[in-house]
């Protein structure tokens, strides 16, 4: 195990100390656990969706067809509600407005 020195705000460190006492653990254990959690969730390389294989969900119950999607909206035409959402979400659209 590698020994490190970090700078952290007093309030955050005190929070870790209080929580560690409540759990009857050391502050170092909690900080190591927090660092490992951060590593696993944010830093460690993740698989690309391109390498994931599709899952079989069973047989098709109802084939897709017709001119409407599953929400009942016409297929192949832009919907006013969707374009207004896109305009609000897009920084480019806001800059040109």
N, C-alpha and C. Protein backbone atom coordinates (compact mmCIF):
# COMPACT_ATOMS: atom_id res chain seq x y z
N UNK A 1 0.86 -1.18 0.00
CA UNK A 1 0.00 0.00 0.00
C UNK A 1 0.89 1.23 0.00
N UNK A 2 0.53 2.22 -0.79
CA UNK A 2 1.29 3.46 -0.93
C UNK A 2 0.79 4.49 0.07
N UNK A 3 1.70 5.13 0.77
CA UNK A 3 1.35 6.22 1.68
C UNK A 3 1.37 7.52 0.89
N UNK A 4 0.31 8.32 1.03
CA UNK A 4 0.23 9.59 0.31
C UNK A 4 -0.13 10.71 1.28
N UNK A 5 0.10 11.93 0.84
CA UNK A 5 -0.29 13.11 1.60
C UNK A 5 -1.23 13.91 0.72
N UNK A 6 -2.39 14.30 1.26
CA UNK A 6 -3.33 15.10 0.50
C UNK A 6 -3.75 16.32 1.32
N UNK A 7 -4.18 17.35 0.66
CA UNK A 7 -4.74 18.52 1.33
C UNK A 7 -6.25 18.48 1.15
N UNK A 8 -6.96 18.62 2.23
CA UNK A 8 -8.42 18.57 2.20
C UNK A 8 -8.94 19.60 3.18
N UNK A 9 -10.11 20.13 2.93
CA UNK A 9 -10.67 21.13 3.85
C UNK A 9 -10.91 20.50 5.22
N UNK A 10 -10.78 21.31 6.24
CA UNK A 10 -10.95 20.81 7.61
C UNK A 10 -12.34 20.25 7.82
N UNK A 11 -13.35 20.92 7.25
CA UNK A 11 -14.72 20.46 7.45
C UNK A 11 -14.96 19.09 6.83
N UNK A 12 -14.40 18.85 5.66
CA UNK A 12 -14.57 17.55 5.01
C UNK A 12 -13.85 16.48 5.83
N UNK A 13 -12.62 16.77 6.28
CA UNK A 13 -11.87 15.80 7.06
C UNK A 13 -12.57 15.50 8.38
N UNK A 14 -13.09 16.52 9.02
CA UNK A 14 -13.82 16.31 10.27
C UNK A 14 -15.06 15.46 10.04
N UNK A 15 -15.72 15.68 8.91
CA UNK A 15 -16.88 14.84 8.57
C UNK A 15 -16.49 13.39 8.42
N UNK A 16 -15.36 13.13 7.76
CA UNK A 16 -14.87 11.76 7.62
C UNK A 16 -14.53 11.18 9.00
N UNK A 17 -13.90 11.98 9.86
CA UNK A 17 -13.54 11.49 11.19
C UNK A 17 -14.78 11.12 12.00
N UNK A 18 -15.79 11.97 11.98
CA UNK A 18 -17.03 11.70 12.72
C UNK A 18 -17.72 10.44 12.20
N UNK A 19 -17.78 10.32 10.89
CA UNK A 19 -18.44 9.16 10.29
C UNK A 19 -17.67 7.88 10.61
N UNK A 20 -16.33 7.96 10.56
CA UNK A 20 -15.49 6.81 10.88
C UNK A 20 -15.71 6.37 12.32
N UNK A 21 -15.78 7.32 13.26
CA UNK A 21 -16.03 6.98 14.66
C UNK A 21 -17.38 6.29 14.81
N UNK A 22 -18.39 6.80 14.11
CA UNK A 22 -19.73 6.22 14.20
C UNK A 22 -19.76 4.78 13.69
N UNK A 23 -18.90 4.48 12.72
CA UNK A 23 -18.84 3.13 12.15
C UNK A 23 -17.78 2.26 12.81
N UNK A 24 -17.06 2.83 13.78
CA UNK A 24 -15.96 2.14 14.44
C UNK A 24 -14.92 1.69 13.42
N UNK A 25 -14.56 2.62 12.54
CA UNK A 25 -13.54 2.37 11.52
C UNK A 25 -12.55 3.53 11.56
N UNK A 26 -11.45 3.40 10.84
CA UNK A 26 -10.50 4.50 10.78
C UNK A 26 -10.86 5.45 9.64
N UNK A 27 -10.44 6.70 9.82
CA UNK A 27 -10.66 7.69 8.77
C UNK A 27 -9.97 7.26 7.48
N UNK A 28 -8.77 6.70 7.62
CA UNK A 28 -8.02 6.23 6.45
C UNK A 28 -8.78 5.18 5.67
N UNK A 29 -9.45 4.27 6.38
CA UNK A 29 -10.24 3.24 5.70
C UNK A 29 -11.33 3.86 4.84
N UNK A 30 -12.03 4.86 5.42
CA UNK A 30 -13.12 5.50 4.68
C UNK A 30 -12.59 6.25 3.46
N UNK A 31 -11.46 6.94 3.63
CA UNK A 31 -10.90 7.69 2.50
C UNK A 31 -10.42 6.74 1.41
N UNK A 32 -9.78 5.63 1.80
CA UNK A 32 -9.37 4.63 0.80
C UNK A 32 -10.59 4.08 0.06
N UNK A 33 -11.64 3.79 0.80
CA UNK A 33 -12.87 3.26 0.20
C UNK A 33 -13.48 4.29 -0.76
N UNK A 34 -13.48 5.56 -0.35
CA UNK A 34 -14.02 6.62 -1.20
C UNK A 34 -13.19 6.77 -2.47
N UNK A 35 -11.87 6.68 -2.34
CA UNK A 35 -11.00 6.78 -3.51
C UNK A 35 -11.22 5.61 -4.46
N UNK A 36 -11.37 4.41 -3.90
CA UNK A 36 -11.60 3.23 -4.73
C UNK A 36 -12.94 3.33 -5.46
N UNK A 37 -13.96 3.80 -4.76
CA UNK A 37 -15.27 3.98 -5.38
C UNK A 37 -15.19 4.99 -6.53
N UNK A 38 -14.49 6.10 -6.30
CA UNK A 38 -14.31 7.11 -7.34
C UNK A 38 -13.56 6.50 -8.53
N UNK A 39 -12.53 5.73 -8.24
CA UNK A 39 -11.76 5.08 -9.30
C UNK A 39 -12.64 4.17 -10.15
N UNK A 40 -13.41 3.33 -9.47
CA UNK A 40 -14.25 2.36 -10.18
C UNK A 40 -15.36 3.02 -10.99
N UNK A 41 -15.94 4.09 -10.48
CA UNK A 41 -17.09 4.70 -11.15
C UNK A 41 -16.71 5.78 -12.15
N UNK A 42 -15.59 6.43 -11.98
CA UNK A 42 -15.28 7.58 -12.82
C UNK A 42 -14.02 7.47 -13.66
N UNK A 43 -13.02 6.76 -13.20
CA UNK A 43 -11.71 6.81 -13.85
C UNK A 43 -11.41 5.56 -14.66
N UNK A 44 -11.67 4.40 -14.07
CA UNK A 44 -11.32 3.15 -14.73
C UNK A 44 -11.94 3.11 -16.12
N UNK A 45 -11.15 2.66 -17.06
CA UNK A 45 -11.65 2.65 -18.44
C UNK A 45 -12.89 1.78 -18.55
N UNK A 46 -13.82 2.28 -19.26
CA UNK A 46 -15.07 1.56 -19.47
C UNK A 46 -15.08 0.96 -20.86
N UNK A 47 -15.83 -0.10 -21.00
CA UNK A 47 -15.96 -0.74 -22.30
C UNK A 47 -16.76 0.15 -23.23
N UNK A 48 -16.37 0.16 -24.46
CA UNK A 48 -17.13 0.85 -25.48
C UNK A 48 -18.41 0.07 -25.75
N UNK A 49 -19.47 0.78 -26.06
CA UNK A 49 -20.72 0.12 -26.42
C UNK A 49 -20.56 -0.71 -27.68
N UNK A 50 -19.57 -0.38 -28.49
CA UNK A 50 -19.34 -1.11 -29.74
C UNK A 50 -18.89 -2.55 -29.50
N UNK A 51 -18.28 -2.84 -28.33
CA UNK A 51 -17.79 -4.19 -28.08
C UNK A 51 -18.82 -5.04 -27.35
N UNK A 52 -19.90 -4.45 -26.87
CA UNK A 52 -20.93 -5.21 -26.18
C UNK A 52 -21.76 -6.00 -27.20
N UNK A 53 -22.05 -7.23 -26.87
CA UNK A 53 -22.85 -8.07 -27.75
C UNK A 53 -24.31 -7.89 -27.39
N UNK A 54 -25.20 -7.92 -28.38
CA UNK A 54 -26.63 -7.77 -28.11
C UNK A 54 -27.17 -8.95 -27.29
N UNK A 55 -28.14 -8.66 -26.47
CA UNK A 55 -28.79 -9.70 -25.68
C UNK A 55 -30.06 -10.16 -26.37
N UNK A 56 -30.36 -11.42 -26.26
CA UNK A 56 -31.61 -11.93 -26.78
C UNK A 56 -32.68 -11.70 -25.72
N UNK A 57 -33.74 -11.05 -26.10
CA UNK A 57 -34.84 -10.80 -25.18
C UNK A 57 -36.03 -11.69 -25.47
N UNK A 58 -35.80 -12.73 -26.25
CA UNK A 58 -36.88 -13.65 -26.57
C UNK A 58 -37.46 -13.38 -27.94
N UNK A 59 -38.57 -14.04 -28.21
CA UNK A 59 -39.16 -13.87 -29.54
C UNK A 59 -39.97 -12.57 -29.61
N UNK A 60 -40.19 -12.12 -30.82
CA UNK A 60 -40.95 -10.91 -31.07
C UNK A 60 -42.42 -11.19 -30.78
N UNK A 61 -43.02 -10.37 -29.93
CA UNK A 61 -44.43 -10.56 -29.60
C UNK A 61 -45.33 -9.91 -30.64
N UNK A 62 -44.91 -8.74 -31.12
CA UNK A 62 -45.70 -8.04 -32.11
C UNK A 62 -44.74 -7.35 -33.06
N UNK A 63 -44.73 -7.72 -34.33
CA UNK A 63 -43.80 -7.10 -35.26
C UNK A 63 -44.08 -5.61 -35.41
N UNK A 64 -42.99 -4.86 -35.54
CA UNK A 64 -43.13 -3.42 -35.73
C UNK A 64 -43.50 -3.16 -37.17
N UNK A 65 -44.43 -2.29 -37.37
CA UNK A 65 -44.83 -1.95 -38.74
C UNK A 65 -45.81 -0.81 -38.70
N UNK A 66 -46.11 -0.33 -39.84
CA UNK A 66 -47.07 0.76 -39.91
C UNK A 66 -46.37 2.11 -39.99
N UNK A 67 -47.17 3.15 -39.92
CA UNK A 67 -46.63 4.49 -40.12
C UNK A 67 -46.46 5.26 -38.81
N UNK A 68 -46.72 4.59 -37.69
CA UNK A 68 -46.59 5.27 -36.40
C UNK A 68 -45.62 4.50 -35.50
N UNK A 69 -44.91 5.24 -34.61
CA UNK A 69 -44.01 4.59 -33.68
C UNK A 69 -44.80 4.09 -32.47
N UNK A 70 -44.12 3.56 -31.47
CA UNK A 70 -44.81 3.00 -30.31
C UNK A 70 -45.49 4.05 -29.45
N UNK A 71 -45.11 5.32 -29.62
CA UNK A 71 -45.78 6.40 -28.89
C UNK A 71 -46.99 6.90 -29.66
N UNK A 72 -47.20 6.36 -30.84
CA UNK A 72 -48.34 6.77 -31.65
C UNK A 72 -48.07 7.96 -32.54
N UNK A 73 -46.79 8.37 -32.63
CA UNK A 73 -46.43 9.52 -33.46
C UNK A 73 -46.05 9.06 -34.86
N UNK A 74 -46.32 9.88 -35.87
CA UNK A 74 -45.95 9.50 -37.24
C UNK A 74 -44.45 9.31 -37.37
N UNK A 75 -44.02 8.29 -38.10
CA UNK A 75 -42.60 8.01 -38.31
C UNK A 75 -42.10 8.84 -39.48
N UNK A 76 -40.86 9.34 -39.35
CA UNK A 76 -40.21 10.02 -40.46
C UNK A 76 -40.50 11.51 -40.53
N UNK A 77 -41.26 12.05 -39.62
CA UNK A 77 -41.54 13.48 -39.63
C UNK A 77 -41.08 14.06 -38.31
N UNK A 78 -40.48 15.23 -38.36
CA UNK A 78 -40.05 15.88 -37.12
C UNK A 78 -41.28 16.41 -36.40
N UNK A 79 -41.31 16.20 -35.12
CA UNK A 79 -42.45 16.64 -34.33
C UNK A 79 -42.14 17.97 -33.68
N UNK A 80 -43.12 18.83 -33.59
CA UNK A 80 -42.93 20.16 -33.01
C UNK A 80 -42.44 20.07 -31.58
N UNK A 81 -42.96 19.11 -30.80
CA UNK A 81 -42.53 19.00 -29.40
C UNK A 81 -41.07 18.60 -29.31
N UNK A 82 -40.60 17.74 -30.21
CA UNK A 82 -39.21 17.31 -30.17
C UNK A 82 -38.28 18.40 -30.64
N UNK A 83 -38.65 19.14 -31.66
CA UNK A 83 -37.76 20.20 -32.15
C UNK A 83 -37.64 21.33 -31.14
N UNK A 84 -38.71 21.60 -30.38
CA UNK A 84 -38.60 22.64 -29.35
C UNK A 84 -37.71 22.18 -28.21
N UNK A 85 -37.74 20.87 -27.87
CA UNK A 85 -36.84 20.35 -26.84
C UNK A 85 -35.40 20.42 -27.32
N UNK A 86 -35.16 20.06 -28.58
CA UNK A 86 -33.81 20.14 -29.13
C UNK A 86 -33.30 21.56 -29.09
N UNK A 87 -34.14 22.51 -29.41
CA UNK A 87 -33.72 23.91 -29.44
C UNK A 87 -33.33 24.38 -28.04
N UNK A 88 -34.06 23.93 -27.02
CA UNK A 88 -33.73 24.33 -25.65
C UNK A 88 -32.47 23.65 -25.16
N UNK A 89 -32.20 22.43 -25.58
CA UNK A 89 -31.07 21.68 -25.10
C UNK A 89 -29.77 22.02 -25.85
N UNK A 90 -29.88 22.55 -27.05
CA UNK A 90 -28.72 22.79 -27.88
C UNK A 90 -28.14 24.19 -27.65
N UNK A 91 -26.86 24.29 -27.21
CA UNK A 91 -26.25 25.61 -27.05
C UNK A 91 -26.17 26.36 -28.37
N UNK A 92 -25.97 25.63 -29.48
CA UNK A 92 -25.89 26.27 -30.79
C UNK A 92 -27.20 26.95 -31.13
N UNK A 93 -28.30 26.26 -30.84
CA UNK A 93 -29.62 26.82 -31.13
C UNK A 93 -29.87 28.07 -30.30
N UNK A 94 -29.38 28.08 -29.06
CA UNK A 94 -29.55 29.26 -28.22
C UNK A 94 -28.72 30.43 -28.73
N UNK A 95 -27.52 30.12 -29.25
CA UNK A 95 -26.65 31.18 -29.73
C UNK A 95 -27.21 31.84 -30.99
N UNK A 96 -27.93 31.07 -31.80
CA UNK A 96 -28.45 31.62 -33.06
C UNK A 96 -29.80 32.28 -32.88
N UNK A 97 -30.46 32.10 -31.72
CA UNK A 97 -31.78 32.68 -31.50
C UNK A 97 -31.69 34.16 -31.20
